[in-house]
Structures are given as C-alpha cells and as structure tokens.
Amino acid sequence: MPTFRAVPSDQPPASGLLAAMLAEMAELYGDITRPGMPTATAADFAPPAGGFLVGFEDEEAVCCGGFKPLPDGACEIKRMYVVPAARGRGLGAVLLHALEDAARAAGYRVARLDAGPRQPGVARMYRAQGYRDIANFNGNLVATYFGERDLTAGAVSDPAGAG
C-alpha cells in the first residue's frame, strides 16, 4: 500500500500525475479545465483549507488527489488519479480514505465529490465507500454522479477528527 505525502499540486511529481489525469479526462469528456467547470487549481488545494496528496510505492508516485473548500463549509475531493499500471488493486479506495483523513484533519465534517458517465466504476467505488447520492452541488457540466459523505461517521482511523 502507498505512503502518502502532501505535495503542492503544481510541483513534481503531483504536476506530472495531474497532467496525465487531465489528458485521460480530455479523451473522455474534453477539456475539464474549460470555463464553466469546477476549479481545481493549486490555490484551491493550498493549505490550510485545501490539501493535495501523492501516494508513493517504493518512492514511485502511483496516485494523487486533493480537496478544496466549498462555500458552505464542506470540502470537495477532486483530481483523484491512479496511474494505469497500479489500477485494479484497490488504490482508489485507499487514496480516497487518505484524502478523507486529511480533510478531517483540516476540520472538514462533510466531503463531496463527482464522477462522469464514462467512469461507472468510480461512482460504484464512491458508493461502496459510504457516499450517498446528492444533487449536482458544483455545476459540473459533464458529471452525472454526485456524492456526499459525513466524515464524522465511521472515521475509523481517527474518530476524534484530529488527523
């Protein structure tokens, strides 16, 4: 299983992983950074309100993702990515839990996320990890799944929420 480190999303290796994720998403949905789409900038992911993690296995970056604040006090988990060679081993769920732990440590009690129709396995994984279906909360033009999870419920790694 990977070890996670906070890395600014605009610096290597996070920036390289994000470039690969954006290229993959462009093939599925077009440019997901175009106007009208939810933002996911380095400033959005900057501490203390945001965070960005890179997962390493034997010092090789294999996954990444971040969280950013939402106006109502919840956070949004964004830009989750697992390199193709590391897929199929459950790293998406491991990454999601690491991001939830980091968001909880930053003081968040609720996390939201979304997924597009060409990634049905992602929505299934989110539901299996305790996300409940909600309405479109972020105006995402291509997502069809929107989920929310109470980070205070089932926080196995740290029930007190201190990270």
N, C-alpha and C. Protein backbone atom coordinates (compact mmCIF):
# COMPACT_ATOMS: atom_id res chain seq x y z
N MET A 1 0.84 -1.19 0.00
CA MET A 1 0.00 0.00 0.00
C MET A 1 0.88 1.24 0.00
N PRO A 2 0.39 2.29 -0.60
CA PRO A 2 1.22 3.50 -0.72
C PRO A 2 1.35 4.26 0.60
N THR A 3 2.41 5.03 0.66
CA THR A 3 2.55 6.03 1.72
C THR A 3 2.21 7.37 1.06
N PHE A 4 1.56 8.22 1.82
CA PHE A 4 1.08 9.50 1.26
C PHE A 4 1.87 10.66 1.82
N ARG A 5 2.15 11.61 0.93
CA ARG A 5 2.82 12.85 1.32
C ARG A 5 2.08 14.03 0.70
N ALA A 6 2.01 15.11 1.46
CA ALA A 6 1.45 16.35 0.92
C ALA A 6 2.45 16.93 -0.06
N VAL A 7 1.98 17.24 -1.27
CA VAL A 7 2.82 17.82 -2.32
C VAL A 7 1.98 18.89 -3.00
N PRO A 8 2.48 20.12 -3.16
CA PRO A 8 1.70 21.11 -3.90
C PRO A 8 1.37 20.58 -5.30
N SER A 9 0.13 20.80 -5.72
CA SER A 9 -0.34 20.20 -6.97
C SER A 9 0.36 20.75 -8.21
N ASP A 10 1.04 21.88 -8.08
CA ASP A 10 1.73 22.45 -9.23
C ASP A 10 3.23 22.13 -9.23
N GLN A 11 3.65 21.19 -8.38
CA GLN A 11 5.05 20.80 -8.31
C GLN A 11 5.17 19.29 -8.54
N PRO A 12 6.30 18.85 -9.13
CA PRO A 12 6.50 17.42 -9.33
C PRO A 12 6.55 16.69 -7.99
N PRO A 13 6.11 15.45 -7.94
CA PRO A 13 5.53 14.66 -9.02
C PRO A 13 4.03 14.89 -9.20
N ALA A 14 3.42 15.69 -8.31
CA ALA A 14 1.98 15.93 -8.42
C ALA A 14 1.60 16.51 -9.77
N SER A 15 2.37 17.47 -10.25
CA SER A 15 2.04 18.12 -11.52
C SER A 15 2.07 17.14 -12.68
N GLY A 16 2.98 16.20 -12.68
CA GLY A 16 3.03 15.20 -13.74
C GLY A 16 1.85 14.24 -13.68
N LEU A 17 1.47 13.83 -12.48
CA LEU A 17 0.31 12.97 -12.33
C LEU A 17 -0.95 13.70 -12.78
N LEU A 18 -1.07 14.96 -12.42
CA LEU A 18 -2.25 15.74 -12.83
C LEU A 18 -2.30 15.91 -14.34
N ALA A 19 -1.16 16.13 -14.97
CA ALA A 19 -1.14 16.26 -16.43
C ALA A 19 -1.62 14.97 -17.09
N ALA A 20 -1.21 13.82 -16.55
CA ALA A 20 -1.65 12.54 -17.10
C ALA A 20 -3.16 12.36 -16.88
N MET A 21 -3.66 12.75 -15.71
CA MET A 21 -5.08 12.63 -15.42
C MET A 21 -5.89 13.53 -16.34
N LEU A 22 -5.43 14.77 -16.54
CA LEU A 22 -6.16 15.70 -17.41
C LEU A 22 -6.18 15.20 -18.85
N ALA A 23 -5.09 14.59 -19.30
CA ALA A 23 -5.05 14.04 -20.66
C ALA A 23 -6.05 12.90 -20.79
N GLU A 24 -6.12 12.05 -19.77
CA GLU A 24 -7.07 10.94 -19.79
C GLU A 24 -8.51 11.45 -19.78
N MET A 25 -8.79 12.45 -18.96
CA MET A 25 -10.14 13.01 -18.89
C MET A 25 -10.50 13.72 -20.19
N ALA A 26 -9.54 14.35 -20.84
CA ALA A 26 -9.81 15.03 -22.11
C ALA A 26 -10.29 14.04 -23.17
N GLU A 27 -9.75 12.82 -23.15
CA GLU A 27 -10.19 11.80 -24.09
C GLU A 27 -11.64 11.39 -23.81
N LEU A 28 -12.05 11.42 -22.54
CA LEU A 28 -13.40 11.01 -22.16
C LEU A 28 -14.42 12.14 -22.28
N TYR A 29 -14.03 13.36 -21.86
CA TYR A 29 -15.00 14.44 -21.68
C TYR A 29 -14.61 15.76 -22.35
N GLY A 30 -13.48 15.84 -22.97
CA GLY A 30 -12.98 17.12 -23.44
C GLY A 30 -12.21 17.80 -22.30
N ASP A 31 -11.87 19.04 -22.50
CA ASP A 31 -11.08 19.79 -21.53
C ASP A 31 -11.89 20.06 -20.26
N ILE A 32 -11.53 19.41 -19.16
CA ILE A 32 -12.28 19.61 -17.92
C ILE A 32 -11.83 20.85 -17.15
N THR A 33 -10.88 21.61 -17.73
CA THR A 33 -10.47 22.87 -17.11
C THR A 33 -11.10 24.07 -17.82
N ARG A 34 -12.00 23.79 -18.78
CA ARG A 34 -12.61 24.87 -19.56
C ARG A 34 -13.52 25.74 -18.68
N PRO A 35 -13.82 26.93 -19.15
CA PRO A 35 -14.72 27.81 -18.40
C PRO A 35 -16.06 27.13 -18.12
N GLY A 36 -16.57 27.36 -16.93
CA GLY A 36 -17.84 26.79 -16.52
C GLY A 36 -17.69 25.50 -15.72
N MET A 37 -16.49 24.95 -15.71
CA MET A 37 -16.24 23.72 -14.94
C MET A 37 -15.75 24.10 -13.54
N PRO A 38 -15.99 23.22 -12.55
CA PRO A 38 -15.47 23.49 -11.21
C PRO A 38 -13.94 23.60 -11.24
N THR A 39 -13.41 24.51 -10.46
CA THR A 39 -11.97 24.72 -10.46
C THR A 39 -11.26 23.68 -9.59
N ALA A 40 -10.01 23.47 -9.91
CA ALA A 40 -9.14 22.58 -9.13
C ALA A 40 -7.71 23.07 -9.34
N THR A 41 -7.45 24.27 -8.86
CA THR A 41 -6.16 24.91 -9.05
C THR A 41 -5.25 24.66 -7.85
N ALA A 42 -3.98 24.99 -8.03
CA ALA A 42 -3.04 24.88 -6.92
C ALA A 42 -3.50 25.73 -5.75
N ALA A 43 -4.08 26.90 -6.03
CA ALA A 43 -4.60 27.76 -4.95
C ALA A 43 -5.78 27.10 -4.24
N ASP A 44 -6.65 26.40 -4.99
CA ASP A 44 -7.78 25.69 -4.37
C ASP A 44 -7.28 24.63 -3.39
N PHE A 45 -6.18 23.96 -3.76
CA PHE A 45 -5.66 22.86 -2.95
C PHE A 45 -4.68 23.31 -1.87
N ALA A 46 -4.41 24.60 -1.78
CA ALA A 46 -3.40 25.09 -0.83
C ALA A 46 -3.88 25.00 0.61
N PRO A 47 -3.01 24.55 1.52
CA PRO A 47 -3.35 24.56 2.94
C PRO A 47 -3.53 26.00 3.42
N PRO A 48 -4.25 26.25 4.47
CA PRO A 48 -4.80 25.24 5.37
C PRO A 48 -6.19 24.73 4.97
N ALA A 49 -6.88 25.41 4.05
CA ALA A 49 -8.24 24.99 3.70
C ALA A 49 -8.26 23.84 2.69
N GLY A 50 -7.19 23.66 1.96
CA GLY A 50 -7.12 22.60 0.97
C GLY A 50 -5.93 21.70 1.23
N GLY A 51 -5.81 20.69 0.39
CA GLY A 51 -4.67 19.79 0.50
C GLY A 51 -4.55 18.94 -0.74
N PHE A 52 -3.35 18.48 -1.00
CA PHE A 52 -3.10 17.61 -2.15
C PHE A 52 -2.11 16.55 -1.72
N LEU A 53 -2.44 15.29 -2.00
CA LEU A 53 -1.62 14.16 -1.59
C LEU A 53 -1.13 13.38 -2.80
N VAL A 54 0.08 12.87 -2.68
CA VAL A 54 0.63 11.94 -3.66
C VAL A 54 0.95 10.65 -2.91
N GLY A 55 0.52 9.53 -3.49
CA GLY A 55 0.82 8.22 -2.93
C GLY A 55 2.04 7.63 -3.60
N PHE A 56 2.95 7.11 -2.78
CA PHE A 56 4.20 6.54 -3.28
C PHE A 56 4.30 5.07 -2.90
N GLU A 57 4.77 4.26 -3.84
CA GLU A 57 5.15 2.88 -3.59
C GLU A 57 6.60 2.75 -4.01
N ASP A 58 7.47 2.42 -3.07
CA ASP A 58 8.91 2.33 -3.35
C ASP A 58 9.42 3.61 -4.03
N GLU A 59 9.00 4.74 -3.50
CA GLU A 59 9.40 6.06 -4.00
C GLU A 59 8.89 6.40 -5.39
N GLU A 60 8.03 5.55 -5.95
CA GLU A 60 7.40 5.86 -7.24
C GLU A 60 6.00 6.42 -6.98
N ALA A 61 5.70 7.57 -7.59
CA ALA A 61 4.38 8.20 -7.44
C ALA A 61 3.36 7.38 -8.23
N VAL A 62 2.34 6.86 -7.52
CA VAL A 62 1.36 5.98 -8.17
C VAL A 62 -0.06 6.53 -8.14
N CYS A 63 -0.32 7.55 -7.32
CA CYS A 63 -1.67 8.11 -7.27
C CYS A 63 -1.62 9.50 -6.66
N CYS A 64 -2.71 10.23 -6.85
CA CYS A 64 -2.78 11.57 -6.28
C CYS A 64 -4.24 12.00 -6.17
N GLY A 65 -4.45 13.06 -5.42
CA GLY A 65 -5.78 13.65 -5.30
C GLY A 65 -5.73 14.79 -4.31
N GLY A 66 -6.77 15.62 -4.35
CA GLY A 66 -6.81 16.76 -3.46
C GLY A 66 -8.19 17.05 -2.94
N PHE A 67 -8.25 18.01 -2.05
CA PHE A 67 -9.53 18.51 -1.56
C PHE A 67 -9.44 20.02 -1.47
N LYS A 68 -10.60 20.64 -1.67
CA LYS A 68 -10.69 22.10 -1.64
C LYS A 68 -11.94 22.50 -0.87
N PRO A 69 -11.96 23.72 -0.34
CA PRO A 69 -13.14 24.16 0.40
C PRO A 69 -14.30 24.49 -0.53
N LEU A 70 -15.50 24.25 -0.02
CA LEU A 70 -16.72 24.69 -0.69
C LEU A 70 -17.33 25.82 0.13
N PRO A 71 -18.14 26.67 -0.49
CA PRO A 71 -18.68 27.85 0.22
C PRO A 71 -19.48 27.53 1.47
N ASP A 72 -20.10 26.34 1.54
CA ASP A 72 -20.94 26.03 2.70
C ASP A 72 -20.19 25.35 3.84
N GLY A 73 -18.86 25.26 3.75
CA GLY A 73 -18.07 24.67 4.82
C GLY A 73 -17.71 23.21 4.60
N ALA A 74 -18.27 22.58 3.59
CA ALA A 74 -17.87 21.22 3.23
C ALA A 74 -16.61 21.32 2.36
N CYS A 75 -16.03 20.17 2.04
CA CYS A 75 -14.92 20.16 1.09
C CYS A 75 -15.30 19.30 -0.10
N GLU A 76 -14.60 19.53 -1.20
CA GLU A 76 -14.80 18.73 -2.40
C GLU A 76 -13.50 17.99 -2.69
N ILE A 77 -13.61 16.69 -2.86
CA ILE A 77 -12.47 15.87 -3.25
C ILE A 77 -12.39 15.89 -4.77
N LYS A 78 -11.21 16.22 -5.29
CA LYS A 78 -11.03 16.44 -6.73
C LYS A 78 -9.74 15.78 -7.22
N ARG A 79 -9.70 15.56 -8.51
CA ARG A 79 -8.49 15.16 -9.23
C ARG A 79 -7.86 13.87 -8.71
N MET A 80 -8.72 12.94 -8.27
CA MET A 80 -8.20 11.63 -7.89
C MET A 80 -7.71 10.91 -9.14
N TYR A 81 -6.53 10.33 -9.02
CA TYR A 81 -5.93 9.65 -10.17
C TYR A 81 -5.01 8.54 -9.67
N VAL A 82 -5.12 7.38 -10.32
CA VAL A 82 -4.21 6.26 -10.10
C VAL A 82 -3.57 5.95 -11.44
N VAL A 83 -2.26 5.83 -11.47
CA VAL A 83 -1.58 5.54 -12.73
C VAL A 83 -2.08 4.21 -13.28
N PRO A 84 -2.19 4.08 -14.59
CA PRO A 84 -2.75 2.86 -15.18
C PRO A 84 -2.07 1.57 -14.70
N ALA A 85 -0.76 1.57 -14.53
CA ALA A 85 -0.04 0.36 -14.12
C ALA A 85 -0.40 -0.08 -12.70
N ALA A 86 -0.96 0.81 -11.90
CA ALA A 86 -1.29 0.49 -10.50
C ALA A 86 -2.79 0.26 -10.29
N ARG A 87 -3.57 0.29 -11.34
CA ARG A 87 -5.02 0.12 -11.21
C ARG A 87 -5.40 -1.33 -10.96
N GLY A 88 -6.60 -1.52 -10.42
CA GLY A 88 -7.12 -2.85 -10.19
C GLY A 88 -6.68 -3.46 -8.88
N ARG A 89 -6.03 -2.67 -8.02
CA ARG A 89 -5.54 -3.18 -6.74
C ARG A 89 -6.20 -2.48 -5.55
N GLY A 90 -7.25 -1.69 -5.81
CA GLY A 90 -7.94 -1.01 -4.71
C GLY A 90 -7.30 0.29 -4.27
N LEU A 91 -6.36 0.82 -5.04
CA LEU A 91 -5.69 2.06 -4.64
C LEU A 91 -6.63 3.26 -4.65
N GLY A 92 -7.67 3.23 -5.48
CA GLY A 92 -8.62 4.35 -5.49
C GLY A 92 -9.27 4.51 -4.13
N ALA A 93 -9.70 3.41 -3.52
CA ALA A 93 -10.33 3.48 -2.20
C ALA A 93 -9.31 3.89 -1.14
N VAL A 94 -8.09 3.39 -1.24
CA VAL A 94 -7.04 3.76 -0.29
C VAL A 94 -6.76 5.26 -0.39
N LEU A 95 -6.66 5.77 -1.62
CA LEU A 95 -6.44 7.20 -1.84
C LEU A 95 -7.61 8.00 -1.29
N LEU A 96 -8.82 7.56 -1.56
CA LEU A 96 -10.00 8.27 -1.06
C LEU A 96 -9.96 8.37 0.46
N HIS A 97 -9.63 7.30 1.14
CA HIS A 97 -9.57 7.33 2.61
C HIS A 97 -8.47 8.26 3.11
N ALA A 98 -7.33 8.27 2.42
CA ALA A 98 -6.25 9.19 2.81
C ALA A 98 -6.69 10.64 2.66
N LEU A 99 -7.41 10.94 1.58
CA LEU A 99 -7.92 12.30 1.37
C LEU A 99 -8.97 12.65 2.42
N GLU A 100 -9.83 11.71 2.75
CA GLU A 100 -10.83 11.96 3.80
C GLU A 100 -10.14 12.23 5.13
N ASP A 101 -9.10 11.45 5.45
CA ASP A 101 -8.37 11.67 6.70
C ASP A 101 -7.73 13.06 6.72
N ALA A 102 -7.13 13.46 5.61
CA ALA A 102 -6.50 14.78 5.53
C ALA A 102 -7.55 15.89 5.64
N ALA A 103 -8.69 15.70 4.99
CA ALA A 103 -9.77 16.70 5.08
C ALA A 103 -10.31 16.78 6.50
N ARG A 104 -10.46 15.65 7.14
CA ARG A 104 -10.93 15.60 8.53
C ARG A 104 -9.93 16.35 9.42
N ALA A 105 -8.65 16.11 9.20
CA ALA A 105 -7.61 16.79 9.99
C ALA A 105 -7.63 18.30 9.76
N ALA A 106 -8.08 18.72 8.57
CA ALA A 106 -8.19 20.15 8.26
C ALA A 106 -9.47 20.76 8.81
N GLY A 107 -10.30 19.94 9.46
CA GLY A 107 -11.50 20.44 10.11
C GLY A 107 -12.80 20.20 9.37
N TYR A 108 -12.75 19.49 8.26
CA TYR A 108 -13.99 19.26 7.50
C TYR A 108 -14.79 18.13 8.11
N ARG A 109 -16.11 18.30 8.06
CA ARG A 109 -17.04 17.28 8.57
C ARG A 109 -17.80 16.60 7.43
N VAL A 110 -17.80 17.22 6.24
CA VAL A 110 -18.53 16.68 5.09
C VAL A 110 -17.62 16.78 3.86
N ALA A 111 -17.61 15.70 3.07
CA ALA A 111 -16.88 15.69 1.80
C ALA A 111 -17.86 15.41 0.68
N ARG A 112 -17.65 16.06 -0.44
CA ARG A 112 -18.44 15.83 -1.65
C ARG A 112 -17.50 15.53 -2.80
N LEU A 113 -18.05 14.87 -3.81
CA LEU A 113 -17.27 14.55 -5.00
C LEU A 113 -18.20 14.26 -6.16
N ASP A 114 -17.64 14.09 -7.33
CA ASP A 114 -18.45 13.79 -8.51
C ASP A 114 -17.70 12.83 -9.43
N ALA A 115 -18.41 12.30 -10.41
CA ALA A 115 -17.82 11.41 -11.41
C ALA A 115 -18.65 11.50 -12.68
N GLY A 116 -17.99 11.24 -13.79
CA GLY A 116 -18.66 11.32 -15.08
C GLY A 116 -19.23 9.97 -15.52
N PRO A 117 -20.09 9.99 -16.54
CA PRO A 117 -20.78 8.78 -17.00
C PRO A 117 -19.86 7.75 -17.66
N ARG A 118 -18.70 8.16 -18.10
CA ARG A 118 -17.78 7.22 -18.74
C ARG A 118 -16.84 6.56 -17.74
N GLN A 119 -17.14 6.73 -16.45
CA GLN A 119 -16.37 6.12 -15.37
C GLN A 119 -17.33 5.47 -14.36
N PRO A 120 -18.15 4.53 -14.79
CA PRO A 120 -19.15 3.96 -13.87
C PRO A 120 -18.53 3.25 -12.67
N GLY A 121 -17.34 2.70 -12.84
CA GLY A 121 -16.68 2.04 -11.72
C GLY A 121 -16.32 3.00 -10.61
N VAL A 122 -16.04 4.24 -10.97
CA VAL A 122 -15.68 5.25 -9.96
C VAL A 122 -16.90 5.55 -9.08
N ALA A 123 -18.05 5.77 -9.69
CA ALA A 123 -19.26 6.03 -8.91
C ALA A 123 -19.59 4.84 -8.01
N ARG A 124 -19.43 3.62 -8.52
CA ARG A 124 -19.68 2.43 -7.70
C ARG A 124 -18.74 2.39 -6.50
N MET A 125 -17.47 2.72 -6.74
CA MET A 125 -16.49 2.73 -5.64
C MET A 125 -16.87 3.78 -4.60
N TYR A 126 -17.27 4.97 -5.04
CA TYR A 126 -17.66 6.01 -4.08
C TYR A 126 -18.84 5.54 -3.23
N ARG A 127 -19.84 4.96 -3.86
CA ARG A 127 -21.00 4.45 -3.11
C ARG A 127 -20.57 3.37 -2.13
N ALA A 128 -19.70 2.47 -2.56
CA ALA A 128 -19.23 1.40 -1.68
C ALA A 128 -18.44 1.94 -0.49
N GLN A 129 -17.88 3.14 -0.64
CA GLN A 129 -17.10 3.75 0.44
C GLN A 129 -17.96 4.66 1.32
N GLY A 130 -19.27 4.62 1.14
CA GLY A 130 -20.17 5.34 2.04
C GLY A 130 -20.71 6.66 1.53
N TYR A 131 -20.48 6.99 0.27
CA TYR A 131 -21.02 8.23 -0.28
C TYR A 131 -22.47 8.01 -0.68
N ARG A 132 -23.31 8.98 -0.33
CA ARG A 132 -24.73 8.90 -0.71
C ARG A 132 -24.96 9.84 -1.87
N ASP A 133 -25.86 9.47 -2.75
CA ASP A 133 -26.18 10.28 -3.92
C ASP A 133 -26.81 11.59 -3.50
N ILE A 134 -26.37 12.67 -4.13
CA ILE A 134 -26.93 14.01 -3.89
C ILE A 134 -27.11 14.69 -5.25
N ALA A 135 -27.73 15.87 -5.21
CA ALA A 135 -27.91 16.67 -6.43
C ALA A 135 -26.58 17.29 -6.85
N ASN A 136 -26.54 17.79 -8.07
CA ASN A 136 -25.36 18.47 -8.59
C ASN A 136 -25.05 19.67 -7.70
N PHE A 137 -23.97 19.58 -6.96
CA PHE A 137 -23.61 20.63 -5.99
C PHE A 137 -22.61 21.63 -6.54
N ASN A 138 -21.96 21.32 -7.66
CA ASN A 138 -20.86 22.17 -8.12
C ASN A 138 -20.99 22.66 -9.55
N GLY A 139 -22.10 22.37 -10.19
CA GLY A 139 -22.30 22.85 -11.55
C GLY A 139 -21.43 22.16 -12.59
N ASN A 140 -20.90 20.99 -12.27
CA ASN A 140 -20.06 20.26 -13.21
C ASN A 140 -20.88 19.93 -14.45
N LEU A 141 -20.35 20.32 -15.61
CA LEU A 141 -21.07 20.16 -16.88
C LEU A 141 -21.04 18.74 -17.42
N VAL A 142 -20.12 17.90 -16.96
CA VAL A 142 -20.01 16.55 -17.52
C VAL A 142 -20.30 15.45 -16.50
N ALA A 143 -20.30 15.75 -15.22
CA ALA A 143 -20.54 14.71 -14.21
C ALA A 143 -22.00 14.30 -14.19
N THR A 144 -22.22 13.04 -13.87
CA THR A 144 -23.59 12.52 -13.72
C THR A 144 -23.79 11.91 -12.34
N TYR A 145 -22.70 11.71 -11.61
CA TYR A 145 -22.78 11.20 -10.24
C TYR A 145 -22.25 12.27 -9.30
N PHE A 146 -23.00 12.53 -8.25
CA PHE A 146 -22.60 13.47 -7.21
C PHE A 146 -22.83 12.79 -5.88
N GLY A 147 -21.81 12.80 -5.01
CA GLY A 147 -21.93 12.11 -3.74
C GLY A 147 -21.46 12.94 -2.58
N GLU A 148 -21.91 12.54 -1.39
CA GLU A 148 -21.56 13.24 -0.15
C GLU A 148 -21.36 12.21 0.94
N ARG A 149 -20.40 12.48 1.82
CA ARG A 149 -20.15 11.60 2.97
C ARG A 149 -19.91 12.44 4.20
N ASP A 150 -20.51 12.00 5.30
CA ASP A 150 -20.28 12.60 6.61
C ASP A 150 -18.94 12.07 7.11
N LEU A 151 -17.95 12.93 7.23
CA LEU A 151 -16.63 12.49 7.65
C LEU A 151 -16.55 12.19 9.14
N THR A 152 -17.59 12.55 9.89
CA THR A 152 -17.57 12.24 11.32
C THR A 152 -18.13 10.85 11.60
N ALA A 153 -18.79 10.26 10.62
CA ALA A 153 -19.35 8.92 10.77
C ALA A 153 -18.36 7.89 10.22
N GLY A 154 -18.03 6.95 11.03
CA GLY A 154 -17.15 5.88 10.57
C GLY A 154 -15.73 6.31 10.33
N ALA A 155 -15.26 7.31 11.04
CA ALA A 155 -13.88 7.76 10.90
C ALA A 155 -12.98 6.80 11.69
N VAL A 156 -12.74 5.63 11.12
CA VAL A 156 -12.06 4.55 11.83
C VAL A 156 -10.66 4.95 12.24
N SER A 157 -9.92 5.63 11.35
CA SER A 157 -8.53 5.94 11.66
C SER A 157 -8.39 6.97 12.77
N ASP A 158 -9.38 7.83 12.94
CA ASP A 158 -9.30 8.84 13.98
C ASP A 158 -10.70 9.36 14.31
N PRO A 159 -11.41 8.69 15.20
CA PRO A 159 -12.78 9.09 15.49
C PRO A 159 -12.90 10.51 16.02
N ALA A 160 -11.86 11.03 16.64
CA ALA A 160 -11.93 12.39 17.19
C ALA A 160 -11.79 13.45 16.11
N GLY A 161 -11.33 13.05 14.93
CA GLY A 161 -11.21 14.02 13.84
C GLY A 161 -9.97 14.87 13.90
N ALA A 162 -8.97 14.45 14.69
CA ALA A 162 -7.76 15.27 14.82
C ALA A 162 -6.70 14.91 13.80
N GLY A 163 -6.95 13.91 12.97
CA GLY A 163 -6.00 13.55 11.92
C GLY A 163 -5.06 12.54 12.41
